[in-house]
Amino acid sequence: MTRLVIFCLFLSGLAIVMNFSSYNDIKLDSDRFNMEAAEKAHEAHVEELAELAKMHAEATTPKVISDDVVVEEKPLVELVTPALVRADKLYKQCIACHGKGGEGKSANKAPGIGGQFDWYISKQLTDMRDGVRVNQQMLSIVRKLSDQDIADLSAYVSKLPWGYKK
């Protein structure tokens, strides 16, 4: 069996060596490459890319129908109680770091909080306010919150959609 494997490897190597000689038969000349044709092809490619970039910009740019039309976005949480209405106003301070849907923003190192349990949010906010948990970014905001504000905000955040994407 070993002899057969060695013989097959020998034949494969011989075939490869025999093909190396055919590379010498290829003649090198500069007549085959046409610079003008290559430049035209490049210009056509650049024009196509510019057209695609324009189409992409048009597709991703929001359309303004009129300056008179005001589109009101409905909140992500149904504001069915006065506590949720108060919490919606309080949460506007949180949007800058945690996002509209509580998705979090990695640039600010702010975690996603949308859909988190209300008791967990309440505990974290209370601990930050009381100095048990240190968070310098949130301290100035959390320090002003009352127990009722924390309860309202916790209920609101727990009703935000889990894994919200813009």
Protein backbone atom coordinates (compact mmCIF):
# COMPACT_ATOMS: atom_id res chain seq x y z
CA MET A 1 0.00 0.00 0.00
CA THR A 2 2.85 2.35 0.84
CA ARG A 3 4.50 1.67 -2.51
CA LEU A 4 1.27 2.54 -4.32
CA VAL A 5 0.94 5.86 -2.47
CA ILE A 6 4.56 6.75 -3.20
CA PHE A 7 4.12 5.82 -6.88
CA CYS A 8 0.99 8.04 -7.14
CA LEU A 9 2.82 10.94 -5.53
CA PHE A 10 5.72 10.43 -7.94
CA LEU A 11 3.38 10.50 -10.96
CA SER A 12 1.64 13.64 -9.66
CA GLY A 13 4.97 15.38 -9.13
CA LEU A 14 6.15 14.35 -12.60
CA ALA A 15 2.98 15.76 -14.17
CA ILE A 16 3.47 19.06 -12.35
CA VAL A 17 7.12 19.32 -13.43
CA MET A 18 6.15 18.57 -17.05
CA ASN A 19 3.65 21.43 -16.99
CA PHE A 20 6.25 23.91 -15.74
CA SER A 21 7.95 23.77 -19.10
CA SER A 22 4.79 25.02 -20.83
CA TYR A 23 5.08 28.35 -19.00
CA ASN A 24 8.18 29.14 -21.02
CA ASP A 25 6.10 28.90 -24.20
CA ILE A 26 4.04 31.97 -23.25
CA LYS A 27 5.40 34.98 -25.06
CA LEU A 28 5.42 38.28 -23.26
CA ASP A 29 4.59 41.32 -25.32
CA SER A 30 3.10 44.71 -24.60
CA ASP A 31 0.80 44.68 -27.61
CA ARG A 32 -1.88 42.70 -25.83
CA PHE A 33 -2.61 45.37 -23.20
CA ASN A 34 -4.54 48.33 -24.54
CA MET A 35 -4.22 51.28 -22.18
CA GLU A 36 -6.98 53.30 -23.86
CA ALA A 37 -9.48 50.47 -23.51
CA ALA A 38 -8.51 50.02 -19.86
CA GLU A 39 -8.97 53.75 -19.19
CA LYS A 40 -12.40 53.74 -20.88
CA ALA A 41 -13.46 50.73 -18.84
CA HIS A 42 -12.24 52.46 -15.67
CA GLU A 43 -14.15 55.67 -16.52
CA ALA A 44 -17.31 53.66 -17.15
CA HIS A 45 -16.86 51.91 -13.82
CA VAL A 46 -16.35 55.24 -11.99
CA GLU A 47 -19.48 56.68 -13.64
CA GLU A 48 -21.47 53.61 -12.61
CA LEU A 49 -20.23 53.94 -9.02
CA ALA A 50 -21.16 57.64 -8.97
CA GLU A 51 -24.64 56.80 -10.24
CA LEU A 52 -25.02 54.08 -7.59
CA ALA A 53 -23.86 56.49 -4.87
CA LYS A 54 -26.42 59.04 -6.04
CA MET A 55 -29.19 56.42 -6.00
CA HIS A 56 -28.13 55.31 -2.51
CA ALA A 57 -28.15 58.89 -1.24
CA GLU A 58 -31.64 59.45 -2.67
CA ALA A 59 -32.91 56.22 -1.15
CA THR A 60 -31.55 56.91 2.33
CA THR A 61 -32.35 60.64 2.53
CA PRO A 62 -35.68 61.28 4.26
CA LYS A 63 -38.17 63.02 2.02
CA VAL A 64 -39.69 66.29 3.22
CA ILE A 65 -43.20 66.60 1.86
CA SER A 66 -43.81 70.14 2.98
CA ASP A 67 -42.63 72.45 5.71
CA ASP A 68 -46.26 72.91 6.79
CA VAL A 69 -46.84 69.23 7.48
CA VAL A 70 -45.93 68.12 10.97
CA VAL A 71 -45.64 64.38 11.43
CA GLU A 72 -46.18 63.40 15.03
CA GLU A 73 -44.54 60.19 16.12
CA LYS A 74 -46.56 58.16 18.52
CA PRO A 75 -44.68 57.06 21.62
CA LEU A 76 -43.38 53.51 21.87
CA VAL A 77 -45.30 53.05 25.11
CA GLU A 78 -49.05 53.62 25.38
CA LEU A 79 -49.47 56.45 27.86
CA VAL A 80 -52.60 55.07 29.53
CA THR A 81 -51.90 56.25 33.08
CA PRO A 82 -50.76 59.58 34.53
CA ALA A 83 -47.64 57.82 35.85
CA LEU A 84 -46.64 56.78 32.32
CA VAL A 85 -47.27 60.32 31.04
CA ARG A 86 -44.93 61.70 33.74
CA ALA A 87 -42.39 58.98 32.97
CA ASP A 88 -42.51 59.81 29.25
CA LYS A 89 -41.48 63.37 30.08
CA LEU A 90 -38.76 62.14 32.45
CA TYR A 91 -37.43 59.65 29.88
CA LYS A 92 -36.66 62.47 27.43
CA GLN A 93 -33.52 63.10 29.52
CA CYS A 94 -32.51 59.45 29.04
CA ILE A 95 -32.89 59.37 25.24
CA ALA A 96 -29.52 61.01 24.55
CA CYS A 97 -27.62 58.04 25.97
CA HIS A 98 -30.06 55.12 26.07
CA GLY A 99 -31.95 55.86 22.84
CA LYS A 100 -35.61 56.39 22.09
CA GLY A 101 -36.49 52.73 22.52
CA GLY A 102 -34.00 52.04 25.29
CA GLU A 103 -31.71 50.25 22.83
CA GLY A 104 -28.56 51.73 24.35
CA LYS A 105 -25.68 53.39 22.55
CA SER A 106 -22.26 51.79 22.54
CA ALA A 107 -20.54 55.13 21.85
CA ASN A 108 -21.76 56.36 25.24
CA LYS A 109 -21.26 52.95 26.86
CA ALA A 110 -24.96 53.10 27.74
CA PRO A 111 -26.61 49.69 28.04
CA GLY A 112 -29.88 48.71 26.44
CA ILE A 113 -32.60 49.13 29.06
CA GLY A 114 -35.76 48.72 26.98
CA GLY A 115 -37.97 45.92 28.27
CA GLN A 116 -35.89 45.42 31.40
CA PHE A 117 -37.76 44.39 34.57
CA ASP A 118 -39.21 47.37 36.43
CA TRP A 119 -37.87 46.19 39.81
CA TYR A 120 -34.35 45.99 38.35
CA ILE A 121 -34.47 49.50 36.88
CA SER A 122 -35.91 50.82 40.14
CA LYS A 123 -33.13 49.20 42.20
CA GLN A 124 -30.37 50.49 39.92
CA LEU A 125 -31.72 54.06 39.87
CA THR A 126 -32.23 54.08 43.64
CA ASP A 127 -28.72 52.73 44.23
CA MET A 128 -27.23 55.38 41.92
CA ARG A 129 -29.21 58.14 43.61
CA ASP A 130 -28.23 56.97 47.10
CA GLY A 131 -24.55 56.52 46.19
CA VAL A 132 -24.52 52.72 46.55
CA ARG A 133 -23.76 52.34 42.85
CA VAL A 134 -21.40 54.82 41.21
CA ASN A 135 -22.24 56.15 37.76
CA GLN A 136 -20.83 59.60 37.08
CA GLN A 137 -22.70 60.09 33.79
CA MET A 138 -26.12 59.54 35.35
CA LEU A 139 -25.50 61.04 38.78
CA SER A 140 -26.60 64.59 37.90
CA ILE A 141 -29.90 63.32 36.49
CA VAL A 142 -30.65 60.57 39.02
CA ARG A 143 -29.94 62.81 42.01
CA LYS A 144 -33.05 64.90 41.19
CA LEU A 145 -35.45 61.93 41.02
CA SER A 146 -37.95 61.23 43.78
CA ASP A 147 -39.09 57.74 44.74
CA GLN A 148 -42.28 58.29 42.71
CA ASP A 149 -40.25 59.45 39.68
CA ILE A 150 -38.12 56.31 39.89
CA ALA A 151 -41.21 54.09 40.15
CA ASP A 152 -42.84 55.82 37.15
CA LEU A 153 -39.66 55.70 35.08
CA SER A 154 -39.10 52.03 35.92
CA ALA A 155 -42.62 51.13 34.80
CA TYR A 156 -42.15 53.11 31.58
CA VAL A 157 -38.76 51.55 30.72
CA SER A 158 -40.12 48.06 31.36
CA LYS A 159 -42.82 48.70 28.76
CA LEU A 160 -40.33 49.77 26.07
CA PRO A 161 -39.81 47.10 23.40
CA TRP A 162 -37.01 44.63 24.11
CA GLY A 163 -34.27 44.77 21.46
CA TYR A 164 -35.69 47.89 19.79
CA LYS A 165 -33.95 48.87 16.54
CA LYS A 166 -34.37 52.22 14.85
